[in-house]
């Protein structure tokens, strides 16, 4: 979108918990693999 924002407009998205994340599919897969490794018990 190349439209300019009006006086009452904003750029962003609503967040109820005070957090947000934007990631592409490759970043999401890497993040999931990272946490899966962190959650496995140490041997």
PDB file of N, CA and C in Angstrom:
ATOM      1  N   UNK A   1       0.835  -1.188   0.000  1.00  0.00           N
ATOM      2  CA  UNK A   1       0.000   0.000   0.000  1.00  0.00           C
ATOM      3  C   UNK A   1       0.875   1.245   0.000  1.00  0.00           C
ATOM      4  N   UNK A   2       0.616   2.114  -0.881  1.00  0.00           N
ATOM      5  CA  UNK A   2       1.367   3.364  -0.950  1.00  0.00           C
ATOM      6  C   UNK A   2       0.504   4.555  -0.554  1.00  0.00           C
ATOM      7  N   UNK A   3      -0.606   4.287   0.108  1.00  0.00           N
ATOM      8  CA  UNK A   3      -1.496   5.370   0.499  1.00  0.00           C
ATOM      9  C   UNK A   3      -0.968   6.059   1.754  1.00  0.00           C
ATOM     10  N   UNK A   4      -1.165   7.361   1.829  1.00  0.00           N
ATOM     11  CA  UNK A   4      -0.764   8.086   3.031  1.00  0.00           C
ATOM     12  C   UNK A   4      -1.832   7.934   4.097  1.00  0.00           C
ATOM     13  N   UNK A   5      -1.400   7.977   5.344  1.00  0.00           N
ATOM     14  CA  UNK A   5      -2.328   7.885   6.451  1.00  0.00           C
ATOM     15  C   UNK A   5      -3.011   9.221   6.668  1.00  0.00           C
ATOM     16  N   UNK A   6      -4.285   9.151   6.989  1.00  0.00           N
ATOM     17  CA  UNK A   6      -5.032  10.352   7.313  1.00  0.00           C
ATOM     18  C   UNK A   6      -4.797  10.765   8.762  1.00  0.00           C
ATOM     19  N   UNK A   7      -5.390  11.851   9.196  1.00  0.00           N
ATOM     20  CA  UNK A   7      -5.213  12.365  10.542  1.00  0.00           C
ATOM     21  C   UNK A   7      -5.678  11.417  11.632  1.00  0.00           C
ATOM     22  N   UNK A   8      -6.716  10.620  11.359  1.00  0.00           N
ATOM     23  CA  UNK A   8      -7.243   9.694  12.362  1.00  0.00           C
ATOM     24  C   UNK A   8      -6.774   8.260  12.142  1.00  0.00           C
ATOM     25  N   UNK A   9      -5.909   8.022  11.166  1.00  0.00           N
ATOM     26  CA  UNK A   9      -5.428   6.679  10.858  1.00  0.00           C
ATOM     27  C   UNK A   9      -4.172   6.358  11.672  1.00  0.00           C
ATOM     28  N   UNK A  10      -3.845   5.078  11.746  1.00  0.00           N
ATOM     29  CA  UNK A  10      -2.610   4.652  12.393  1.00  0.00           C
ATOM     30  C   UNK A  10      -2.035   3.485  11.626  1.00  0.00           C
ATOM     31  N   UNK A  11      -0.756   3.260  11.791  1.00  0.00           N
ATOM     32  CA  UNK A  11      -0.063   2.150  11.158  1.00  0.00           C
ATOM     33  C   UNK A  11       0.258   1.136  12.239  1.00  0.00           C
ATOM     34  N   UNK A  12      -0.253  -0.078  12.127  1.00  0.00           N
ATOM     35  CA  UNK A  12       0.009  -1.104  13.120  1.00  0.00           C
ATOM     36  C   UNK A  12      -1.147  -2.069  13.224  1.00  0.00           C
ATOM     37  N   UNK A  13      -1.203  -2.764  14.350  1.00  0.00           N
ATOM     38  CA  UNK A  13      -2.277  -3.716  14.596  1.00  0.00           C
ATOM     39  C   UNK A  13      -2.597  -3.718  16.082  1.00  0.00           C
ATOM     40  N   UNK A  14      -3.825  -4.063  16.419  1.00  0.00           N
ATOM     41  CA  UNK A  14      -4.248  -4.101  17.806  1.00  0.00           C
ATOM     42  C   UNK A  14      -3.596  -5.253  18.558  1.00  0.00           C
ATOM     43  N   UNK A  15      -3.217  -5.000  19.813  1.00  0.00           N
ATOM     44  CA  UNK A  15      -2.560  -6.015  20.634  1.00  0.00           C
ATOM     45  C   UNK A  15      -3.174  -5.963  22.031  1.00  0.00           C
ATOM     46  N   UNK A  16      -3.758  -7.079  22.478  1.00  0.00           N
ATOM     47  CA  UNK A  16      -4.370  -7.117  23.800  1.00  0.00           C
ATOM     48  C   UNK A  16      -3.359  -7.363  24.909  1.00  0.00           C
ATOM     49  N   UNK A  17      -2.332  -8.148  24.664  1.00  0.00           N
ATOM     50  CA  UNK A  17      -1.388  -8.540  25.709  1.00  0.00           C
ATOM     51  C   UNK A  17      -0.142  -7.653  25.755  1.00  0.00           C
ATOM     52  N   UNK A  18      -0.057  -6.660  24.913  1.00  0.00           N
ATOM     53  CA  UNK A  18       1.116  -5.802  24.902  1.00  0.00           C
ATOM     54  C   UNK A  18       2.294  -6.384  24.145  1.00  0.00           C
ATOM     55  N   UNK A  19       2.057  -7.426  23.349  1.00  0.00           N
ATOM     56  CA  UNK A  19       3.130  -8.044  22.569  1.00  0.00           C
ATOM     57  C   UNK A  19       2.650  -8.278  21.140  1.00  0.00           C
ATOM     58  N   UNK A  20       3.582  -8.378  20.236  1.00  0.00           N
ATOM     59  CA  UNK A  20       3.270  -8.702  18.858  1.00  0.00           C
ATOM     60  C   UNK A  20       4.503  -9.229  18.161  1.00  0.00           C
ATOM     61  N   UNK A  21       4.293  -9.978  17.100  1.00  0.00           N
ATOM     62  CA  UNK A  21       5.419 -10.535  16.358  1.00  0.00           C
ATOM     63  C   UNK A  21       5.037 -10.658  14.890  1.00  0.00           C
ATOM     64  N   UNK A  22       5.947 -10.274  14.036  1.00  0.00           N
ATOM     65  CA  UNK A  22       5.777 -10.441  12.599  1.00  0.00           C
ATOM     66  C   UNK A  22       7.013 -11.173  12.098  1.00  0.00           C
ATOM     67  N   UNK A  23       6.811 -12.319  11.437  1.00  0.00           N
ATOM     68  CA  UNK A  23       7.939 -13.102  10.943  1.00  0.00           C
ATOM     69  C   UNK A  23       7.539 -13.812   9.657  1.00  0.00           C
ATOM     70  N   UNK A  24       8.518 -14.051   8.810  1.00  0.00           N
ATOM     71  CA  UNK A  24       8.233 -14.822   7.608  1.00  0.00           C
ATOM     72  C   UNK A  24       8.229 -16.316   7.952  1.00  0.00           C
ATOM     73  N   UNK A  25       7.837 -17.158   7.037  1.00  0.00           N
ATOM     74  CA  UNK A  25       7.660 -18.584   7.295  1.00  0.00           C
ATOM     75  C   UNK A  25       8.981 -19.268   7.647  1.00  0.00           C
ATOM     76  N   UNK A  26      10.096 -18.840   7.064  1.00  0.00           N
ATOM     77  CA  UNK A  26      11.397 -19.443   7.378  1.00  0.00           C
ATOM     78  C   UNK A  26      11.832 -19.086   8.805  1.00  0.00           C
ATOM     79  N   UNK A  27      11.592 -17.869   9.212  1.00  0.00           N
ATOM     80  CA  UNK A  27      11.924 -17.454  10.571  1.00  0.00           C
ATOM     81  C   UNK A  27      11.062 -18.201  11.576  1.00  0.00           C
ATOM     82  N   UNK A  28       9.798 -18.369  11.271  1.00  0.00           N
ATOM     83  CA  UNK A  28       8.898 -19.094  12.168  1.00  0.00           C
ATOM     84  C   UNK A  28       9.363 -20.548  12.330  1.00  0.00           C
ATOM     85  N   UNK A  29       9.755 -21.207  11.258  1.00  0.00           N
ATOM     86  CA  UNK A  29      10.219 -22.588  11.327  1.00  0.00           C
ATOM     87  C   UNK A  29      11.500 -22.687  12.164  1.00  0.00           C
ATOM     88  N   UNK A  30      12.420 -21.740  11.991  1.00  0.00           N
ATOM     89  CA  UNK A  30      13.658 -21.745  12.765  1.00  0.00           C
ATOM     90  C   UNK A  30      13.375 -21.511  14.239  1.00  0.00           C
ATOM     91  N   UNK A  31      12.468 -20.633  14.555  1.00  0.00           N
ATOM     92  CA  UNK A  31      12.101 -20.344  15.943  1.00  0.00           C
ATOM     93  C   UNK A  31      11.451 -21.564  16.599  1.00  0.00           C
ATOM     94  N   UNK A  32      10.571 -22.241  15.875  1.00  0.00           N
ATOM     95  CA  UNK A  32       9.937 -23.448  16.411  1.00  0.00           C
ATOM     96  C   UNK A  32      10.969 -24.544  16.653  1.00  0.00           C
ATOM     97  N   UNK A  33      11.922 -24.707  15.758  1.00  0.00           N
ATOM     98  CA  UNK A  33      12.977 -25.710  15.940  1.00  0.00           C
ATOM     99  C   UNK A  33      13.842 -25.363  17.147  1.00  0.00           C
ATOM    100  N   UNK A  34      14.159 -24.103  17.327  1.00  0.00           N
ATOM    101  CA  UNK A  34      14.942 -23.651  18.472  1.00  0.00           C
ATOM    102  C   UNK A  34      14.233 -24.001  19.778  1.00  0.00           C
ATOM    103  N   UNK A  35      12.937 -23.663  19.888  1.00  0.00           N
ATOM    104  CA  UNK A  35      12.214 -23.927  21.132  1.00  0.00           C
ATOM    105  C   UNK A  35      11.980 -25.415  21.341  1.00  0.00           C
ATOM    106  N   UNK A  36      11.810 -26.173  20.289  1.00  0.00           N
ATOM    107  CA  UNK A  36      11.663 -27.618  20.442  1.00  0.00           C
ATOM    108  C   UNK A  36      12.927 -28.207  21.068  1.00  0.00           C
ATOM    109  N   UNK A  37      14.096 -27.719  20.657  1.00  0.00           N
ATOM    110  CA  UNK A  37      15.354 -28.172  21.229  1.00  0.00           C
ATOM    111  C   UNK A  37      15.515 -27.740  22.674  1.00  0.00           C
ATOM    112  N   UNK A  38      15.018 -26.550  23.023  1.00  0.00           N
ATOM    113  CA  UNK A  38      15.117 -26.060  24.394  1.00  0.00           C
ATOM    114  C   UNK A  38      14.204 -26.831  25.335  1.00  0.00           C
ATOM    115  N   UNK A  39      13.089 -27.339  24.823  1.00  0.00           N
ATOM    116  CA  UNK A  39      12.117 -28.024  25.667  1.00  0.00           C
ATOM    117  C   UNK A  39      12.469 -29.490  25.906  1.00  0.00           C
ATOM    118  N   UNK A  40      13.369 -30.041  25.088  1.00  0.00           N
ATOM    119  CA  UNK A  40      13.765 -31.448  25.270  1.00  0.00           C
ATOM    120  C   UNK A  40      14.634 -31.560  26.520  1.00  0.00           C
ATOM    121  N   UNK A  41      14.387 -32.589  27.340  1.00  0.00           N
ATOM    122  CA  UNK A  41      15.218 -32.758  28.547  1.00  0.00           C
ATOM    123  C   UNK A  41      16.660 -33.073  28.170  1.00  0.00           C
ATOM    124  N   UNK A  42      17.577 -32.559  28.982  1.00  0.00           N
ATOM    125  CA  UNK A  42      19.006 -32.840  28.735  1.00  0.00           C
ATOM    126  C   UNK A  42      19.305 -34.297  29.025  1.00  0.00           C
ATOM    127  N   UNK A  43      20.152 -34.913  28.220  1.00  0.00           N
ATOM    128  CA  UNK A  43      20.475 -36.319  28.432  1.00  0.00           C
ATOM    129  C   UNK A  43      21.813 -36.488  29.109  1.00  0.00           C
TER     130      UNK A  43
END
